[in-house]
C-alpha atoms as a PDB file:
ATOM      1  CA  LEU A   1     -32.612 -18.916 -58.618  1.00  0.00           C
ATOM      2  CA  ILE A   2     -30.969 -16.361 -60.929  1.00  0.00           C
ATOM      3  CA  SER A   3     -32.350 -15.662 -64.410  1.00  0.00           C
ATOM      4  CA  THR A   4     -30.648 -13.471 -67.018  1.00  0.00           C
ATOM      5  CA  TYR A   5     -32.453 -11.147 -69.430  1.00  0.00           C
ATOM      6  CA  THR A   6     -31.571  -8.839 -72.315  1.00  0.00           C
ATOM      7  CA  ILE A   7     -33.090  -5.408 -72.861  1.00  0.00           C
ATOM      8  CA  LYS A   8     -32.505  -2.587 -75.339  1.00  0.00           C
ATOM      9  CA  SER A   9     -31.092   0.693 -74.033  1.00  0.00           C
ATOM     10  CA  ASP A  10     -34.443   2.410 -74.651  1.00  0.00           C
ATOM     11  CA  GLY A  11     -36.095   0.012 -72.194  1.00  0.00           C
ATOM     12  CA  SER A  12     -37.845  -2.076 -74.848  1.00  0.00           C
ATOM     13  CA  ASP A  13     -37.632  -5.707 -75.986  1.00  0.00           C
ATOM     14  CA  LEU A  14     -37.093  -7.407 -72.615  1.00  0.00           C
ATOM     15  CA  LYS A  15     -36.233 -11.073 -73.305  1.00  0.00           C
ATOM     16  CA  LEU A  16     -35.191 -14.078 -71.232  1.00  0.00           C
ATOM     17  CA  PHE A  17     -31.550 -14.961 -71.952  1.00  0.00           C
ATOM     18  CA  ASN A  18     -31.031 -17.855 -69.522  1.00  0.00           C
ATOM     19  CA  ASP A  19     -33.273 -19.128 -66.744  1.00  0.00           C
ATOM     20  CA  SER A  20     -30.609 -20.729 -64.537  1.00  0.00           C
ATOM     21  CA  MET A  21     -27.341 -18.793 -64.897  1.00  0.00           C
ATOM     22  CA  GLY A  22     -25.901 -15.463 -63.828  1.00  0.00           C
ATOM     23  CA  VAL A  23     -23.617 -13.297 -65.953  1.00  0.00           C
ATOM     24  CA  SER A  24     -20.323 -11.597 -65.067  1.00  0.00           C
ATOM     25  CA  PRO A  25     -20.255  -7.791 -64.630  1.00  0.00           C
ATOM     26  CA  TYR A  26     -18.486  -6.948 -67.917  1.00  0.00           C
ATOM     27  CA  SER A  27     -18.511  -8.095 -71.549  1.00  0.00           C
ATOM     28  CA  TYR A  28     -15.285  -7.875 -73.557  1.00  0.00           C
ATOM     29  CA  ARG A  29     -14.616  -8.675 -77.228  1.00  0.00           C
ATOM     30  CA  ASN A  30     -18.170  -9.987 -77.500  1.00  0.00           C
ATOM     31  CA  LYS A  31     -17.464 -12.561 -74.770  1.00  0.00           C
ATOM     32  CA  ILE A  32     -19.194 -13.054 -71.420  1.00  0.00           C
ATOM     33  CA  LEU A  33     -18.775 -15.263 -68.382  1.00  0.00           C
ATOM     34  CA  LEU A  34     -21.785 -17.191 -67.094  1.00  0.00           C
ATOM     35  CA  THR A  35     -22.045 -18.805 -63.669  1.00  0.00           C
ATOM     36  CA  LYS A  36     -24.296 -21.498 -62.262  1.00  0.00           C
ATOM     37  CA  GLY A  37     -25.170 -21.625 -58.573  1.00  0.00           C
ATOM     38  CA  GLY A  38     -25.050 -19.103 -55.736  1.00  0.00           C
ATOM     39  CA  ILE A  39     -22.126 -18.134 -53.515  1.00  0.00           C
ATOM     40  CA  GLY A  40     -19.568 -20.896 -53.717  1.00  0.00           C
ATOM     41  CA  PHE A  41     -20.349 -22.041 -57.280  1.00  0.00           C
ATOM     42  CA  TYR A  42     -17.991 -24.349 -59.145  1.00  0.00           C
ATOM     43  CA  ASP A  43     -19.261 -23.880 -62.699  1.00  0.00           C
ATOM     44  CA  ILE A  44     -18.031 -20.966 -64.836  1.00  0.00           C
ATOM     45  CA  TYR A  45     -18.677 -20.839 -68.579  1.00  0.00           C
ATOM     46  CA  ILE A  46     -17.383 -18.562 -71.336  1.00  0.00           C
ATOM     47  CA  ALA A  47     -19.623 -17.811 -74.307  1.00  0.00           C
ATOM     48  CA  ASN A  48     -20.328 -15.297 -77.034  1.00  0.00           C
ATOM     49  CA  TYR A  49     -22.500 -12.440 -75.802  1.00  0.00           C
ATOM     50  CA  ASN A  50     -25.550 -14.051 -77.473  1.00  0.00           C
ATOM     51  CA  GLY A  51     -24.982 -17.277 -75.517  1.00  0.00           C
ATOM     52  CA  SER A  52     -23.569 -19.310 -78.392  1.00  0.00           C
ATOM     53  CA  PHE A  53     -20.428 -21.466 -78.239  1.00  0.00           C
ATOM     54  CA  MET A  54     -20.677 -21.879 -74.479  1.00  0.00           C
ATOM     55  CA  ALA A  55     -17.762 -23.776 -72.912  1.00  0.00           C
ATOM     56  CA  LYS A  56     -17.131 -24.701 -69.285  1.00  0.00           C
ATOM     57  CA  ILE A  57     -13.882 -23.421 -67.741  1.00  0.00           C
ATOM     58  CA  PRO A  58     -12.330 -26.143 -65.553  1.00  0.00           C
ATOM     59  CA  LEU A  59     -11.284 -24.757 -62.165  1.00  0.00           C
ATOM     60  CA  GLY A  60     -10.807 -27.976 -60.239  1.00  0.00           C
ATOM     61  CA  SER A  61     -12.066 -27.914 -56.666  1.00  0.00           C
ATOM     62  CA  ASN A  62     -11.980 -24.126 -56.192  1.00  0.00           C
ATOM     63  CA  PRO A  63     -15.358 -22.750 -55.018  1.00  0.00           C
ATOM     64  CA  VAL A  64     -15.877 -19.285 -56.511  1.00  0.00           C
ATOM     65  CA  ALA A  65     -17.512 -16.241 -54.938  1.00  0.00           C
ATOM     66  CA  TYR A  66     -16.879 -13.783 -57.791  1.00  0.00           C
ATOM     67  CA  CYS A  67     -15.256 -13.752 -61.229  1.00  0.00           C
ATOM     68  CA  ASN A  68     -14.620 -11.362 -64.103  1.00  0.00           C
ATOM     69  CA  LEU A  69     -13.174 -11.450 -67.604  1.00  0.00           C
ATOM     70  CA  SER A  70     -10.048  -9.573 -68.728  1.00  0.00           C
ATOM     71  CA  PRO A  71     -10.474  -6.872 -71.421  1.00  0.00           C
ATOM     72  CA  ASP A  72      -8.670  -9.050 -73.981  1.00  0.00           C
ATOM     73  CA  ALA A  73     -11.013 -11.951 -73.052  1.00  0.00           C
ATOM     74  CA  GLU A  74      -7.990 -14.239 -72.717  1.00  0.00           C
ATOM     75  CA  LYS A  75      -8.009 -14.519 -68.914  1.00  0.00           C
ATOM     76  CA  LEU A  76     -10.304 -14.213 -65.950  1.00  0.00           C
ATOM     77  CA  TYR A  77      -9.794 -13.620 -62.272  1.00  0.00           C
ATOM     78  CA  PHE A  78     -11.821 -15.222 -59.539  1.00  0.00           C
ATOM     79  CA  ILE A  79     -12.083 -14.921 -55.768  1.00  0.00           C
ATOM     80  CA  THR A  80     -12.527 -18.127 -53.806  1.00  0.00           C
ATOM     81  CA  ALA A  81     -15.651 -18.603 -51.704  1.00  0.00           C
ATOM     82  CA  ASN A  82     -13.841 -20.241 -48.800  1.00  0.00           C
ATOM     83  CA  ILE A  83     -12.661 -18.401 -45.692  1.00  0.00           C
ATOM     84  CA  ASP A  84      -9.386 -17.388 -47.398  1.00  0.00           C
ATOM     85  CA  MET A  85     -11.091 -15.421 -50.238  1.00  0.00           C
ATOM     86  CA  ASN A  86      -7.872 -15.548 -52.269  1.00  0.00           C
ATOM     87  CA  LEU A  87      -7.465 -14.008 -55.713  1.00  0.00           C
ATOM     88  CA  TYR A  88      -6.561 -16.234 -58.685  1.00  0.00           C
ATOM     89  CA  VAL A  89      -5.968 -15.596 -62.394  1.00  0.00           C
ATOM     90  CA  VAL A  90      -6.502 -18.298 -65.016  1.00  0.00           C
ATOM     91  CA  ASN A  91      -6.607 -18.503 -68.815  1.00  0.00           C
ATOM     92  CA  SER A  92     -10.104 -18.595 -70.295  1.00  0.00           C
ATOM     93  CA  ASP A  93      -9.599 -22.254 -71.233  1.00  0.00           C
ATOM     94  CA  GLY A  94      -8.809 -23.160 -67.604  1.00  0.00           C
ATOM     95  CA  SER A  95      -5.040 -23.491 -68.043  1.00  0.00           C
ATOM     96  CA  GLY A  96      -2.303 -21.507 -66.293  1.00  0.00           C
ATOM     97  CA  LEU A  97      -3.938 -21.144 -62.870  1.00  0.00           C
ATOM     98  CA  VAL A  98      -2.001 -18.621 -60.734  1.00  0.00           C
ATOM     99  CA  GLN A  99      -2.665 -17.586 -57.130  1.00  0.00           C
ATOM    100  CA  ILE A 100      -2.132 -13.822 -56.775  1.00  0.00           C
ATOM    101  CA  THR A 101      -2.881 -13.224 -53.073  1.00  0.00           C
ATOM    102  CA  THR A 102      -2.580 -15.088 -49.792  1.00  0.00           C
ATOM    103  CA  LEU A 103      -4.843 -12.661 -47.942  1.00  0.00           C
ATOM    104  CA  PRO A 104      -8.576 -12.137 -48.569  1.00  0.00           C
ATOM    105  CA  VAL A 105      -9.847  -9.634 -51.139  1.00  0.00           C
ATOM    106  CA  SER A 106     -13.396  -8.452 -51.843  1.00  0.00           C
ATOM    107  CA  PHE A 107     -15.203  -8.466 -55.185  1.00  0.00           C
ATOM    108  CA  ASN A 108     -15.141  -4.683 -55.701  1.00  0.00           C
ATOM    109  CA  SER A 109     -11.452  -4.373 -54.806  1.00  0.00           C
ATOM    110  CA  VAL A 110      -9.991  -6.061 -57.919  1.00  0.00           C
ATOM    111  CA  LYS A 111      -9.737  -4.814 -61.521  1.00  0.00           C
ATOM    112  CA  PHE A 112      -7.836  -5.789 -64.647  1.00  0.00           C
ATOM    113  CA  SER A 113      -5.960  -2.987 -66.415  1.00  0.00           C
ATOM    114  CA  PRO A 114      -7.351  -1.923 -69.830  1.00  0.00           C
ATOM    115  CA  SER A 115      -4.693  -4.037 -71.562  1.00  0.00           C
ATOM    116  CA  GLY A 116      -5.480  -7.094 -69.436  1.00  0.00           C
ATOM    117  CA  LYS A 117      -1.784  -7.483 -68.632  1.00  0.00           C
ATOM    118  CA  MET A 118      -1.947  -6.090 -65.082  1.00  0.00           C
ATOM    119  CA  ILE A 119      -4.356  -6.450 -62.193  1.00  0.00           C
ATOM    120  CA  ALA A 120      -4.896  -4.023 -59.302  1.00  0.00           C
ATOM    121  CA  TYR A 121      -6.234  -5.134 -55.953  1.00  0.00           C
ATOM    122  CA  LEU A 122      -6.647  -4.036 -52.351  1.00  0.00           C
ATOM    123  CA  GLU A 123      -5.284  -6.344 -49.681  1.00  0.00           C
ATOM    124  CA  PRO A 124      -6.089  -6.028 -45.955  1.00  0.00           C
ATOM    125  CA  SER A 125      -3.538  -4.659 -43.507  1.00  0.00           C
ATOM    126  CA  TYR A 126      -3.849  -4.032 -39.804  1.00  0.00           C
ATOM    127  CA  PHE A 127      -3.081  -0.901 -37.799  1.00  0.00           C
ATOM    128  CA  PRO A 128      -3.513  -0.169 -34.093  1.00  0.00           C
ATOM    129  CA  ASN A 129      -7.250  -0.140 -33.306  1.00  0.00           C
ATOM    130  CA  HIS A 130      -8.478  -0.497 -36.898  1.00  0.00           C
ATOM    131  CA  ARG A 131      -8.130  -2.396 -40.151  1.00  0.00           C
ATOM    132  CA  GLY A 132      -6.893  -0.854 -43.376  1.00  0.00           C
ATOM    133  CA  THR A 133      -5.950  -1.843 -46.910  1.00  0.00           C
ATOM    134  CA  LYS A 134      -2.937  -1.743 -49.207  1.00  0.00           C
ATOM    135  CA  LEU A 135      -3.128  -1.119 -52.953  1.00  0.00           C
ATOM    136  CA  PHE A 136      -1.038  -3.447 -55.129  1.00  0.00           C
ATOM    137  CA  ILE A 137      -0.566  -4.025 -58.827  1.00  0.00           C
ATOM    138  CA  SER A 138       0.560  -7.375 -60.222  1.00  0.00           C
ATOM    139  CA  ASN A 139       1.057  -8.833 -63.648  1.00  0.00           C
ATOM    140  CA  ALA A 140      -1.440 -11.497 -64.637  1.00  0.00           C
ATOM    141  CA  SER A 141       1.175 -14.237 -64.313  1.00  0.00           C
ATOM    142  CA  GLY A 142       1.876 -13.324 -60.679  1.00  0.00           C
ATOM    143  CA  THR A 143       5.634 -12.922 -61.232  1.00  0.00           C
ATOM    144  CA  TYR A 144       5.627  -9.153 -60.591  1.00  0.00           C
ATOM    145  CA  LYS A 145       3.969  -7.402 -57.663  1.00  0.00           C
ATOM    146  CA  ARG A 146       4.340  -3.818 -56.433  1.00  0.00           C
ATOM    147  CA  LEU A 147       2.853  -1.879 -53.525  1.00  0.00           C
ATOM    148  CA  LEU A 148       1.386   1.431 -54.721  1.00  0.00           C
ATOM    149  CA  LYS A 149      -0.079   2.761 -51.477  1.00  0.00           C
ATOM    150  CA  ASP A 150      -0.116   1.647 -47.856  1.00  0.00           C
ATOM    151  CA  SER A 151      -2.341   2.636 -44.914  1.00  0.00           C
ATOM    152  CA  ILE A 152      -5.595   3.078 -46.836  1.00  0.00           C
ATOM    153  CA  GLN A 153      -8.567   2.971 -44.482  1.00  0.00           C
ATOM    154  CA  ASP A 154     -11.334   0.735 -45.893  1.00  0.00           C
ATOM    155  CA  GLY A 155     -10.359   1.203 -49.540  1.00  0.00           C
ATOM    156  CA  SER A 156     -12.711  -0.143 -52.225  1.00  0.00           C
ATOM    157  CA  SER A 157     -14.128   0.296 -55.762  1.00  0.00           C
ATOM    158  CA  ILE A 158     -10.950   0.210 -57.853  1.00  0.00           C
ATOM    159  CA  ASP A 159     -10.955   1.436 -61.452  1.00  0.00           C
ATOM    160  CA  TRP A 160      -8.232   2.202 -64.024  1.00  0.00           C
ATOM    161  CA  SER A 161      -7.869   5.159 -66.369  1.00  0.00           C
ATOM    162  CA  ASN A 162      -8.238   4.231 -70.042  1.00  0.00           C
ATOM    163  CA  ASP A 163      -4.466   4.512 -70.614  1.00  0.00           C
ATOM    164  CA  GLY A 164      -3.626   2.335 -67.594  1.00  0.00           C
ATOM    165  CA  LYS A 165      -1.539   5.074 -65.987  1.00  0.00           C
ATOM    166  CA  LYS A 166      -3.785   5.876 -63.013  1.00  0.00           C
ATOM    167  CA  ILE A 167      -6.087   4.088 -60.567  1.00  0.00           C
ATOM    168  CA  ILE A 168      -9.006   5.566 -58.624  1.00  0.00           C
ATOM    169  CA  PHE A 169     -10.670   4.186 -55.507  1.00  0.00           C
ATOM    170  CA  HIS A 170     -12.635   5.378 -52.514  1.00  0.00           C
ATOM    171  CA  TYR A 171     -11.484   5.221 -48.903  1.00  0.00           C
ATOM    172  CA  LEU A 172     -12.520   6.329 -45.433  1.00  0.00           C
ATOM    173  CA  VAL A 173     -11.090   9.301 -43.556  1.00  0.00           C
ATOM    174  CA  LEU A 174     -11.460   8.870 -39.788  1.00  0.00           C
ATOM    175  CA  GLY A 175     -11.738  11.490 -37.054  1.00  0.00           C
ATOM    176  CA  MET A 176     -14.011  14.377 -36.127  1.00  0.00           C
ATOM    177  CA  ASN A 177     -14.834  15.061 -39.782  1.00  0.00           C
ATOM    178  CA  ALA A 178     -15.078  11.459 -40.969  1.00  0.00           C
ATOM    179  CA  ALA A 179     -15.847  11.173 -44.682  1.00  0.00           C
ATOM    180  CA  VAL A 180     -15.499   8.903 -47.687  1.00  0.00           C
ATOM    181  CA  LYS A 181     -13.052  10.302 -50.237  1.00  0.00           C
ATOM    182  CA  ILE A 182     -12.130   9.457 -53.827  1.00  0.00           C
ATOM    183  CA  GLY A 183      -8.403   9.305 -54.481  1.00  0.00           C
ATOM    184  CA  VAL A 184      -6.287   8.796 -57.590  1.00  0.00           C
ATOM    185  CA  ILE A 185      -2.780   7.345 -57.766  1.00  0.00           C
ATOM    186  CA  ASP A 186      -0.195   7.244 -60.553  1.00  0.00           C
ATOM    187  CA  THR A 187       0.901   3.682 -61.309  1.00  0.00           C
ATOM    188  CA  ALA A 188       4.408   4.769 -62.362  1.00  0.00           C
ATOM    189  CA  ASN A 189       5.502   6.896 -59.392  1.00  0.00           C
ATOM    190  CA  SER A 190       2.712   6.369 -56.782  1.00  0.00           C
ATOM    191  CA  ASN A 191       1.862  10.092 -56.669  1.00  0.00           C
ATOM    192  CA  PHE A 192      -1.487  10.361 -54.871  1.00  0.00           C
ATOM    193  CA  ALA A 193      -4.188  13.057 -54.911  1.00  0.00           C
ATOM    194  CA  VAL A 194      -7.663  13.453 -53.416  1.00  0.00           C
ATOM    195  CA  LEU A 195     -10.295  14.266 -56.046  1.00  0.00           C
ATOM    196  CA  ALA A 196     -13.599  14.618 -54.174  1.00  0.00           C
ATOM    197  CA  ASP A 197     -15.895  13.379 -51.438  1.00  0.00           C
ATOM    198  CA  GLY A 198     -17.843  10.322 -52.580  1.00  0.00           C
ATOM    199  CA  TYR A 199     -17.596   6.644 -53.357  1.00  0.00           C
ATOM    200  CA  SER A 200     -17.899   3.991 -56.117  1.00  0.00           C
ATOM    201  CA  PRO A 201     -15.915   5.925 -58.763  1.00  0.00           C
ATOM    202  CA  ALA A 202     -15.975   4.689 -62.373  1.00  0.00           C
ATOM    203  CA  TRP A 203     -13.719   6.105 -65.098  1.00  0.00           C
ATOM    204  CA  SER A 204     -15.229   6.811 -68.523  1.00  0.00           C
ATOM    205  CA  PRO A 205     -13.848   4.861 -71.514  1.00  0.00           C
ATOM    206  CA  LYS A 206     -12.505   8.113 -72.974  1.00  0.00           C
ATOM    207  CA  GLY A 207     -10.717   8.926 -69.707  1.00  0.00           C
ATOM    208  CA  ASN A 208     -12.009  12.486 -69.439  1.00  0.00           C
ATOM    209  CA  LYS A 209     -14.843  11.915 -66.937  1.00  0.00           C
ATOM    210  CA  ILE A 210     -15.373  10.058 -63.669  1.00  0.00           C
ATOM    211  CA  CYS A 211     -18.815   9.045 -62.442  1.00  0.00           C
ATOM    212  CA  PHE A 212     -19.354   8.524 -58.705  1.00  0.00           C
ATOM    213  CA  VAL A 213     -21.917   8.562 -55.912  1.00  0.00           C
ATOM    214  CA  ASN A 214     -22.207  11.145 -53.142  1.00  0.00           C
ATOM    215  CA  SER A 215     -24.807  12.722 -50.892  1.00  0.00           C
ATOM    216  CA  ASN A 216     -26.469  15.991 -51.862  1.00  0.00           C
ATOM    217  CA  GLY A 217     -27.429  16.576 -48.236  1.00  0.00           C
ATOM    218  CA  THR A 218     -30.753  14.731 -48.327  1.00  0.00           C
ATOM    219  CA  ASN A 219     -30.079  11.560 -50.344  1.00  0.00           C
ATOM    220  CA  ASN A 220     -27.405   9.918 -52.487  1.00  0.00           C
ATOM    221  CA  GLU A 221     -27.042  11.000 -56.094  1.00  0.00           C
ATOM    222  CA  LEU A 222     -25.011  10.210 -59.193  1.00  0.00           C
ATOM    223  CA  PHE A 223     -22.306  12.784 -59.994  1.00  0.00           C
ATOM    224  CA  LEU A 224     -19.853  13.465 -62.824  1.00  0.00           C
ATOM    225  CA  MET A 225     -16.496  15.216 -62.567  1.00  0.00           C
ATOM    226  CA  ASP A 226     -13.507  15.823 -64.810  1.00  0.00           C
ATOM    227  CA  GLN A 227     -10.550  13.485 -64.336  1.00  0.00           C
ATOM    228  CA  ASP A 228      -8.772  16.091 -62.181  1.00  0.00           C
ATOM    229  CA  GLY A 229     -11.738  16.444 -59.790  1.00  0.00           C
ATOM    230  CA  SER A 230     -13.090  19.687 -61.255  1.00  0.00           C
ATOM    231  CA  ASN A 231     -16.551  20.495 -62.646  1.00  0.00           C
ATOM    232  CA  ILE A 232     -18.515  18.278 -60.239  1.00  0.00           C
ATOM    233  CA  THR A 233     -22.129  18.005 -61.407  1.00  0.00           C
ATOM    234  CA  SER A 234     -25.125  16.077 -60.069  1.00  0.00           C
ATOM    235  CA  VAL A 235     -26.758  14.122 -62.893  1.00  0.00           C
ATOM    236  CA  SER A 236     -29.432  11.911 -61.332  1.00  0.00           C
ATOM    237  CA  ASN A 237     -31.556  14.264 -59.178  1.00  0.00           C
ATOM    238  CA  ILE A 238     -34.080  11.510 -58.443  1.00  0.00           C
ATOM    239  CA  PRO A 239     -35.446  11.758 -54.882  1.00  0.00           C
ATOM    240  CA  GLY A 240     -35.338   8.619 -52.783  1.00  0.00           C
ATOM    241  CA  ILE A 241     -32.895   6.522 -54.806  1.00  0.00           C
ATOM    242  CA  SER A 242     -29.449   5.298 -53.780  1.00  0.00           C
ATOM    243  CA  PRO A 243     -27.314   4.671 -56.907  1.00  0.00           C
ATOM    244  CA  TYR A 244     -24.553   2.052 -57.080  1.00  0.00           C
ATOM    245  CA  TYR A 245     -22.868  -0.429 -59.512  1.00  0.00           C
ATOM    246  CA  ILE A 246     -21.964   2.162 -62.153  1.00  0.00           C
ATOM    247  CA  LYS A 247     -21.283   0.866 -65.702  1.00  0.00           C
ATOM    248  CA  TRP A 248     -20.215   3.143 -68.564  1.00  0.00           C
ATOM    249  CA  SER A 249     -21.253   2.217 -72.105  1.00  0.00           C
ATOM    250  CA  LYS A 250     -18.359   1.468 -74.445  1.00  0.00           C
ATOM    251  CA  GLU A 251     -18.732   4.752 -76.357  1.00  0.00           C
ATOM    252  CA  GLY A 252     -18.764   6.641 -73.045  1.00  0.00           C
ATOM    253  CA  MET A 253     -22.044   8.510 -73.465  1.00  0.00           C
ATOM    254  CA  ARG A 254     -24.410   6.400 -71.331  1.00  0.00           C
ATOM    255  CA  ILE A 255     -24.203   5.064 -67.782  1.00  0.00           C
ATOM    256  CA  LEU A 256     -26.032   2.106 -66.283  1.00  0.00           C
ATOM    257  CA  TYR A 257     -26.594   2.103 -62.542  1.00  0.00           C
ATOM    258  CA  ARG A 258     -28.734   0.303 -60.019  1.00  0.00           C
ATOM    259  CA  SER A 259     -30.670   1.932 -57.216  1.00  0.00           C
ATOM    260  CA  ILE A 260     -32.177   0.852 -53.940  1.00  0.00           C
ATOM    261  CA  GLU A 261     -35.347   2.635 -52.855  1.00  0.00           C
ATOM    262  CA  GLY A 262     -36.251   1.703 -49.303  1.00  0.00           C
ATOM    263  CA  SER A 263     -37.078  -1.997 -48.943  1.00  0.00           C
ATOM    264  CA  ASN A 264     -38.019  -2.394 -52.627  1.00  0.00           C
ATOM    265  CA  PRO A 265     -35.997  -4.615 -55.019  1.00  0.00           C
ATOM    266  CA  PRO A 266     -33.160  -2.842 -56.893  1.00  0.00           C
ATOM    267  CA  LYS A 267     -34.020  -0.995 -60.106  1.00  0.00           C
ATOM    268  CA  LEU A 268     -31.908  -0.514 -63.233  1.00  0.00           C
ATOM    269  CA  TRP A 269     -31.494   3.059 -64.508  1.00  0.00           C
ATOM    270  CA  MET A 270     -29.603   4.634 -67.393  1.00  0.00           C
ATOM    271  CA  TYR A 271     -28.211   8.167 -67.586  1.00  0.00           C
ATOM    272  CA  ASP A 272     -27.677   9.613 -71.088  1.00  0.00           C
ATOM    273  CA  LEU A 273     -24.974  12.302 -71.349  1.00  0.00           C
ATOM    274  CA  ASN A 274     -26.298  13.445 -74.740  1.00  0.00           C
ATOM    275  CA  THR A 275     -29.748  14.311 -73.419  1.00  0.00           C
ATOM    276  CA  ASN A 276     -28.827  14.837 -69.733  1.00  0.00           C
ATOM    277  CA  SER A 277     -31.677  12.540 -68.756  1.00  0.00           C
ATOM    278  CA  ASN A 278     -32.297   9.419 -66.677  1.00  0.00           C
ATOM    279  CA  MET A 279     -34.463   6.483 -67.751  1.00  0.00           C
ATOM    280  CA  LEU A 280     -35.810   3.603 -65.682  1.00  0.00           C
ATOM    281  CA  LEU A 281     -35.084   0.402 -67.638  1.00  0.00           C
ATOM    282  CA  ALA A 282     -36.210  -2.439 -65.354  1.00  0.00           C
ATOM    283  CA  ASP A 283     -36.920  -3.389 -61.760  1.00  0.00           C
ATOM    284  CA  SER A 284     -35.865  -6.345 -59.571  1.00  0.00           C
ATOM    285  CA  VAL A 285     -32.397  -6.315 -61.169  1.00  0.00           C
ATOM    286  CA  TYR A 286     -29.347  -7.829 -59.474  1.00  0.00           C
ATOM    287  CA  ASP A 287     -26.752  -6.619 -62.006  1.00  0.00           C
ATOM    288  CA  ALA A 288     -26.414  -5.559 -65.660  1.00  0.00           C
ATOM    289  CA  ILE A 289     -23.771  -5.367 -68.389  1.00  0.00           C
ATOM    290  CA  TRP A 290     -23.443  -3.620 -71.726  1.00  0.00           C
ATOM    291  CA  GLN A 291     -23.222  -5.725 -74.876  1.00  0.00           C
END
């Protein structure tokens, strides 16, 4: 059973929000998506961020594994929970259902553009002796689709720049010096560049910083770098944690992230760029969003 709570960014005032529903990873225009059930749920609701004016979004017989709201709060995408794991886009009132893919996609390989008009996703492709991915962009109506990059080994964790002109993601480099790299690609001309070693990149709302995870040699840490890959700095420095699920605040000065420490339940942390400090907010947390 999933319960949802609210908490202030200083770690105080923990309150129960809903005792039977989960919440989508992002809140836009003071709207959130709420879900009922586990993997393969059929019930998705849209509501104000305080839970008021909740309305069910009719999706027919499509079981859903994952969903997220567009930045303009007018649409959502969802990934089906059947074996196909196809990507769909639908209006927030349940109308205008469009199938975007015919091949499976994973939950961290899809992202709406900042305008909500485009959607980027990684689709599987197959090479001799291994499986890869292709990066596509499509409009939300599904009438336009373009391949940005082919032959990406195990690509994941897509994010857009704030102006919608670039996309970052991590991918695997095979061979003697196998590593996970963070790459950036221009959506206009498909120019590609490698920024750093690491994974789970997240672009700041201002577009000048990228937060990501990498190893410092002994354990995984949270890092910041400039948008061109320069000035890489470790910002967590907390022994024993493994950060993931990075969420920038809307003003771009705080970062939520979860951590796994051994066999213990995940914990919710916040890094503050103003004070260069980390704060433990809560434990046993599955996911979190900013209001």
